[in-house]
Amino acid sequence: MNEQSGIVIAIVIGVILVIGILLLVIPEPAERAVIATERLDVAVLAFRNSSSWRGAEETLRGRVESRLVGEPGINVFSRAQLDALLMERALGTSGIIDATTAVEIGTLTGVSKLVTGTVYAVDTLSEPTTLCVRWQDGVCAEAVAAEKYSVRVLAQVEVIDARTGRIEQSTDTTGSSETTLRQGVSFGSFDSLIVSAADEISDQVASHLTSTYTRELRYGLYESVKTKGGGYVGKNETVRFSASDDAQLIVHFVRVRNGDSFDIQWIDPSGNVLDQTQDVVSNGEWQLYTWDLAGRAPGRYHVTGSIAGSPAFDAPFTVGP
């Protein structure tokens, strides 16, 4: 087999693999809901630093706060306001707080969760390596001497209930980052790598918080639905139906706890609950809820969903003649 034939075979195999993946992937419904099953107003306190790298604790605190600000379902109390308030009330700002102080901070700020922790190691390393500067047919054709710089940040992150002072989560986390530079190219400092490693830790913190205190689901109303794999694919997403149609509601439980309750209500234009479905769902599960519109009076209806007792969505739709 010559080289050209090998390339053709590789392309064919690649196309087959892509088609196979596409056949397995189930597209998500259009609408997304992230639900806090308990109040998630968060304050990020100062972190402690047991490492030899000065300022690592403030870097981690800042990256955690920035990450949580962009997380759906989480409200973050301003760090500037928090620090000013703690100084005014002569409360600890070092990240070392007892249960009584935690409750006092919660009372003053109205937050429900406090996030703090310790950076206990920052490991930096530089070592000689090579860097490919020219590739040919997927193979390195020319390499030069280089230096690899890497950082590993080890930290412990705590989540404290500001209403009770109890530590609800204490998690050991690690973030790492590296870069490789051609020898002779100036390397500024490890600070930028520490920021990247702190970003990796902040992603883990956000994941822990959302998985513990929030649920996520996707949903949509469709004219018709077909099954695919273990889920459903909707056709013609719509908010307008005729009285001869069925309203088809697809729900994908992206992140829930196994055994969570899920309630569906179909509500008429006057606000009366016409039908209700009570379900128990599992993480990753797909469900299809169908409502017969035959004989329904024209008007604006709603379908609502609640997960673990918390409202998840309210989807309005119109029924015509």
Protein backbone atom coordinates (compact mmCIF):
# COMPACT_ATOMS: atom_id res chain seq x y z
CA MET A 1 0.00 0.00 0.00
CA ASN A 2 1.50 3.34 -1.04
CA GLU A 3 1.43 6.57 0.96
CA GLN A 4 -1.46 8.07 -1.03
CA SER A 5 -3.66 5.02 -0.43
CA GLY A 6 -2.87 5.18 3.28
CA ILE A 7 -3.95 8.82 3.42
CA VAL A 8 -7.25 8.03 1.64
CA ILE A 9 -7.97 5.16 4.05
CA ALA A 10 -7.19 7.37 7.05
CA ILE A 11 -9.59 10.05 5.75
CA VAL A 12 -12.36 7.49 5.19
CA ILE A 13 -11.89 6.08 8.69
CA GLY A 14 -11.97 9.61 10.13
CA VAL A 15 -15.22 10.41 8.29
CA ILE A 16 -16.80 7.18 9.53
CA LEU A 17 -15.79 7.97 13.11
CA VAL A 18 -17.21 11.50 12.88
CA ILE A 19 -20.51 10.19 11.47
CA GLY A 20 -20.65 7.59 14.24
CA ILE A 21 -20.14 10.23 16.92
CA LEU A 22 -22.82 12.46 15.38
CA LEU A 23 -25.26 9.56 15.36
CA LEU A 24 -24.66 9.01 19.08
CA VAL A 25 -24.82 12.66 20.19
CA ILE A 26 -28.26 13.82 21.33
CA PRO A 27 -28.74 17.58 20.81
CA GLU A 28 -29.77 19.47 23.92
CA PRO A 29 -33.14 21.23 24.15
CA ALA A 30 -32.82 24.97 23.64
CA GLU A 31 -33.73 26.27 27.09
CA ARG A 32 -31.41 25.96 30.12
CA ALA A 33 -32.35 26.28 33.79
CA VAL A 34 -29.93 26.33 36.73
CA ILE A 35 -31.74 26.09 40.05
CA ALA A 36 -30.32 26.76 43.49
CA THR A 37 -32.04 24.28 45.78
CA GLU A 38 -30.93 26.38 48.70
CA ARG A 39 -29.87 29.99 48.97
CA LEU A 40 -26.48 30.53 47.34
CA ASP A 41 -25.29 34.01 48.27
CA VAL A 42 -21.54 33.57 48.65
CA ALA A 43 -18.70 35.60 50.17
CA VAL A 44 -15.11 34.65 49.35
CA LEU A 45 -12.96 35.34 52.42
CA ALA A 46 -9.19 35.79 52.49
CA PHE A 47 -7.18 32.61 51.96
CA ARG A 48 -4.28 31.58 54.17
CA ASN A 49 -0.81 30.99 52.73
CA SER A 50 1.44 28.23 54.05
CA SER A 51 3.59 28.17 50.91
CA SER A 52 6.82 30.03 50.29
CA TRP A 53 5.32 31.96 47.35
CA ARG A 54 4.24 35.40 48.48
CA GLY A 55 0.83 36.54 47.27
CA ALA A 56 -0.37 33.10 46.15
CA GLU A 57 -3.31 33.28 48.56
CA GLU A 58 -4.59 36.56 47.10
CA THR A 59 -4.20 35.23 43.57
CA LEU A 60 -6.29 32.18 44.41
CA ARG A 61 -8.92 34.20 46.23
CA GLY A 62 -9.30 36.57 43.28
CA ARG A 63 -9.56 33.78 40.72
CA VAL A 64 -12.13 31.87 42.81
CA GLU A 65 -14.23 35.01 43.21
CA SER A 66 -14.08 35.84 39.49
CA ARG A 67 -15.08 32.30 38.57
CA LEU A 68 -18.05 32.23 40.94
CA VAL A 69 -19.30 35.63 39.71
CA GLY A 70 -19.91 34.08 36.30
CA GLU A 71 -21.60 30.93 37.62
CA PRO A 72 -25.40 30.73 37.13
CA GLY A 73 -27.32 30.30 40.38
CA ILE A 74 -24.58 31.87 42.57
CA ASN A 75 -24.58 35.46 43.85
CA VAL A 76 -21.22 36.77 45.07
CA PHE A 77 -20.86 39.48 47.71
CA SER A 78 -18.40 42.23 46.71
CA ARG A 79 -14.91 41.55 48.05
CA ALA A 80 -14.18 45.27 48.55
CA GLN A 81 -17.36 45.73 50.59
CA LEU A 82 -16.68 42.54 52.51
CA ASP A 83 -13.13 43.52 53.52
CA ALA A 84 -14.23 47.02 54.50
CA LEU A 85 -17.05 45.60 56.61
CA LEU A 86 -14.76 43.10 58.35
CA MET A 87 -12.22 45.82 59.15
CA GLU A 88 -14.94 48.14 60.45
CA ARG A 89 -16.29 45.44 62.73
CA ALA A 90 -12.78 44.31 63.72
CA LEU A 91 -13.48 40.80 62.45
CA GLY A 92 -10.74 38.54 61.20
CA THR A 93 -9.62 39.06 57.61
CA SER A 94 -6.87 36.44 57.61
CA GLY A 95 -9.15 33.59 56.55
CA ILE A 96 -8.99 32.03 60.04
CA ILE A 97 -12.51 32.22 61.46
CA ASP A 98 -14.42 30.31 64.08
CA ALA A 99 -18.07 29.32 63.97
CA THR A 100 -19.23 32.42 65.89
CA THR A 101 -17.40 34.78 63.53
CA ALA A 102 -18.77 32.93 60.49
CA VAL A 103 -22.33 33.40 61.72
CA GLU A 104 -21.65 37.08 62.47
CA ILE A 105 -20.30 37.60 58.93
CA GLY A 106 -23.39 35.87 57.55
CA THR A 107 -25.65 38.13 59.60
CA LEU A 108 -23.84 41.31 58.53
CA THR A 109 -23.69 40.47 54.82
CA GLY A 110 -26.78 38.33 54.32
CA VAL A 111 -24.74 35.61 52.61
CA SER A 112 -25.42 31.93 53.17
CA LYS A 113 -22.02 30.43 52.29
CA LEU A 114 -18.45 31.49 53.02
CA VAL A 115 -15.58 30.22 50.88
CA THR A 116 -12.03 30.27 52.24
CA GLY A 117 -9.03 27.98 52.44
CA THR A 118 -5.27 27.57 52.44
CA VAL A 119 -2.56 27.55 49.79
CA TYR A 120 -0.17 25.05 51.33
CA ALA A 121 2.34 24.57 48.51
CA VAL A 122 3.49 26.21 45.28
CA ASP A 123 5.93 23.99 43.42
CA THR A 124 7.90 25.53 40.55
CA LEU A 125 10.19 23.68 38.16
CA SER A 126 12.32 24.50 35.13
CA GLU A 127 13.93 21.72 33.11
CA PRO A 128 15.62 21.39 29.72
CA THR A 129 13.61 19.90 26.88
CA THR A 130 13.17 20.28 23.13
CA LEU A 131 10.66 22.27 21.13
CA CYS A 132 9.49 21.33 17.63
CA VAL A 133 9.74 24.30 15.27
CA ARG A 134 8.86 22.52 12.03
CA TRP A 135 6.40 19.71 11.34
CA GLN A 136 6.12 17.61 8.21
CA ASP A 137 3.37 15.04 7.58
CA GLY A 138 2.50 15.01 11.27
CA VAL A 139 6.09 14.31 12.33
CA CYS A 140 8.53 16.75 13.92
CA ALA A 141 11.12 17.56 11.27
CA GLU A 142 13.16 20.04 13.27
CA ALA A 143 13.53 20.48 17.04
CA VAL A 144 15.55 22.97 19.04
CA ALA A 145 16.73 23.14 22.62
CA ALA A 146 14.18 24.62 24.97
CA GLU A 147 13.25 25.08 28.61
CA LYS A 148 10.00 23.91 30.17
CA TYR A 149 8.60 25.92 33.10
CA SER A 150 5.86 24.39 35.23
CA VAL A 151 3.89 25.25 38.34
CA ARG A 152 1.75 23.18 40.67
CA VAL A 153 -0.44 24.85 43.31
CA LEU A 154 -1.84 22.74 46.13
CA ALA A 155 -4.67 24.13 48.22
CA GLN A 156 -7.45 23.22 50.58
CA VAL A 157 -10.80 24.97 50.04
CA GLU A 158 -13.55 25.16 52.65
CA VAL A 159 -17.22 26.02 52.27
CA ILE A 160 -18.80 27.22 55.53
CA ASP A 161 -22.51 27.60 56.24
CA ALA A 162 -22.81 31.21 57.39
CA ARG A 163 -26.02 30.42 59.29
CA THR A 164 -24.55 27.72 61.51
CA GLY A 165 -20.77 28.18 61.24
CA ARG A 166 -20.43 24.55 60.23
CA ILE A 167 -17.83 23.54 57.62
CA GLU A 168 -19.88 21.82 54.91
CA GLN A 169 -17.05 21.03 52.48
CA SER A 170 -13.30 20.76 52.86
CA THR A 171 -11.61 19.73 49.65
CA ASP A 172 -7.96 19.27 48.68
CA THR A 173 -7.40 20.65 45.19
CA THR A 174 -4.47 20.93 42.80
CA GLY A 175 -3.94 23.22 39.84
CA SER A 176 -1.07 23.10 37.39
CA SER A 177 0.22 25.01 34.38
CA GLU A 178 3.30 24.93 32.16
CA THR A 179 4.92 26.61 29.19
CA THR A 180 7.87 25.72 26.97
CA LEU A 181 10.15 28.38 25.52
CA ARG A 182 13.00 28.13 23.06
CA GLN A 183 16.35 28.57 24.76
CA GLY A 184 17.39 32.19 24.65
CA VAL A 185 13.78 33.45 24.89
CA SER A 186 13.27 35.38 28.11
CA PHE A 187 10.89 33.92 30.69
CA GLY A 188 9.23 36.64 32.74
CA SER A 189 8.20 34.87 35.96
CA PHE A 190 6.10 32.05 37.30
CA ASP A 191 3.31 34.49 38.28
CA SER A 192 1.31 34.01 35.08
CA LEU A 193 1.55 30.22 35.46
CA ILE A 194 0.35 30.51 39.06
CA VAL A 195 -2.68 32.46 37.81
CA SER A 196 -3.46 29.69 35.31
CA ALA A 197 -3.07 27.04 38.02
CA ALA A 198 -5.36 29.08 40.29
CA ASP A 199 -7.92 29.20 37.47
CA GLU A 200 -7.88 25.40 37.36
CA ILE A 201 -8.53 25.26 41.12
CA SER A 202 -11.31 27.84 40.84
CA ASP A 203 -13.02 25.67 38.21
CA GLN A 204 -12.97 22.80 40.71
CA VAL A 205 -14.42 25.03 43.45
CA ALA A 206 -17.25 26.18 41.17
CA SER A 207 -17.93 22.57 40.18
CA HIS A 208 -18.14 21.47 43.83
CA LEU A 209 -20.54 24.30 44.67
CA THR A 210 -22.83 23.81 41.70
CA SER A 211 -22.94 20.03 42.03
CA THR A 212 -23.80 20.31 45.74
CA TYR A 213 -26.19 23.24 45.84
CA THR A 214 -27.66 23.60 42.34
CA ARG A 215 -29.44 21.51 39.74
CA GLU A 216 -29.32 21.98 35.97
CA LEU A 217 -31.77 20.88 33.32
CA ARG A 218 -32.53 21.60 29.68
CA TYR A 219 -36.07 21.73 28.28
CA GLY A 220 -38.11 22.68 25.24
CA LEU A 221 -41.59 22.45 23.68
CA TYR A 222 -41.85 20.78 20.28
CA GLU A 223 -44.41 19.83 17.66
CA SER A 224 -43.05 16.29 17.38
CA VAL A 225 -40.38 14.14 18.99
CA LYS A 226 -38.31 11.13 18.01
CA THR A 227 -36.18 8.88 20.18
CA LYS A 228 -32.40 8.77 19.81
CA GLY A 229 -30.16 6.58 21.90
CA GLY A 230 -31.36 7.01 25.47
CA GLY A 231 -32.95 10.40 24.86
CA TYR A 232 -35.28 12.47 22.68
CA VAL A 233 -34.82 14.87 19.77
CA GLY A 234 -37.46 17.52 19.23
CA LYS A 235 -38.58 18.73 15.82
CA ASN A 236 -39.87 22.26 15.26
CA GLU A 237 -39.47 23.92 18.66
CA THR A 238 -42.52 26.10 19.13
CA VAL A 239 -44.70 28.07 21.54
CA ARG A 240 -47.78 27.90 19.29
CA PHE A 241 -50.01 24.85 19.00
CA SER A 242 -53.44 24.13 17.56
CA ALA A 243 -56.18 22.34 19.46
CA SER A 244 -55.53 19.26 17.33
CA ASP A 245 -51.90 18.98 18.46
CA ASP A 246 -50.12 17.44 21.40
CA ALA A 247 -47.73 19.66 23.34
CA GLN A 248 -44.45 17.75 23.57
CA LEU A 249 -42.11 18.75 26.40
CA ILE A 250 -38.58 17.31 26.44
CA VAL A 251 -36.59 17.58 29.67
CA HIS A 252 -32.95 16.52 30.07
CA PHE A 253 -31.78 16.38 33.69
CA VAL A 254 -28.19 17.47 33.09
CA ARG A 255 -27.14 17.70 36.75
CA VAL A 256 -29.48 16.47 39.48
CA ARG A 257 -29.28 14.09 42.40
CA ASN A 258 -30.58 10.60 41.85
CA GLY A 259 -34.01 10.38 43.44
CA ASP A 260 -34.81 14.09 43.10
CA SER A 261 -38.53 14.85 42.82
CA PHE A 262 -39.71 16.57 39.64
CA ASP A 263 -43.19 18.03 39.25
CA ILE A 264 -44.88 19.19 36.03
CA GLN A 265 -48.02 21.35 35.96
CA TRP A 266 -50.08 22.31 32.90
CA ILE A 267 -51.89 25.59 33.62
CA ASP A 268 -54.78 27.22 31.72
CA PRO A 269 -55.15 30.94 30.86
CA SER A 270 -57.04 31.54 34.13
CA GLY A 271 -54.24 30.10 36.24
CA ASN A 272 -55.96 26.80 37.01
CA VAL A 273 -53.82 23.65 37.17
CA LEU A 274 -55.39 21.26 34.69
CA ASP A 275 -52.93 18.38 34.89
CA GLN A 276 -50.01 17.50 37.09
CA THR A 277 -47.28 14.86 36.89
CA GLN A 278 -45.10 13.89 39.83
CA ASP A 279 -41.88 12.11 38.94
CA VAL A 280 -38.64 10.85 40.47
CA VAL A 281 -35.61 11.46 38.26
CA SER A 282 -31.95 10.52 37.99
CA ASN A 283 -28.83 12.37 36.88
CA GLY A 284 -28.50 12.45 33.08
CA GLU A 285 -32.01 11.13 32.51
CA TRP A 286 -34.22 12.22 29.60
CA GLN A 287 -38.00 12.51 29.93
CA LEU A 288 -40.80 13.26 27.49
CA TYR A 289 -44.06 14.76 28.80
CA THR A 290 -46.98 14.90 26.36
CA TRP A 291 -50.16 16.91 26.92
CA ASP A 292 -53.23 16.35 24.78
CA LEU A 293 -54.66 19.69 23.57
CA ALA A 294 -57.86 18.28 22.09
CA GLY A 295 -60.82 20.35 23.25
CA ARG A 296 -58.69 23.05 24.90
CA ALA A 297 -60.02 26.58 24.56
CA PRO A 298 -57.80 29.02 22.66
CA GLY A 299 -55.53 31.09 24.87
CA ARG A 300 -52.17 31.39 26.57
CA TYR A 301 -51.19 28.37 28.66
CA HIS A 302 -48.15 27.53 30.78
CA VAL A 303 -46.21 24.43 31.68
CA THR A 304 -44.10 24.70 34.82
CA GLY A 305 -41.46 22.41 36.28
CA SER A 306 -40.08 22.13 39.81
CA ILE A 307 -37.03 20.11 40.89
CA ALA A 308 -36.45 19.08 44.51
CA GLY A 309 -39.22 21.47 45.55
CA SER A 310 -37.67 24.52 43.82
CA PRO A 311 -39.23 26.18 40.74
CA ALA A 312 -37.17 25.36 37.65
CA PHE A 313 -39.00 26.89 34.68
CA ASP A 314 -42.24 28.42 33.46
CA ALA A 315 -42.74 27.91 29.72
CA PRO A 316 -45.69 29.79 28.19
CA PHE A 317 -47.33 28.63 24.98
CA THR A 318 -50.42 29.53 22.94
CA VAL A 319 -53.21 27.22 21.85
CA GLY A 320 -55.08 28.37 18.77
CA PRO A 321 -58.30 27.12 17.17
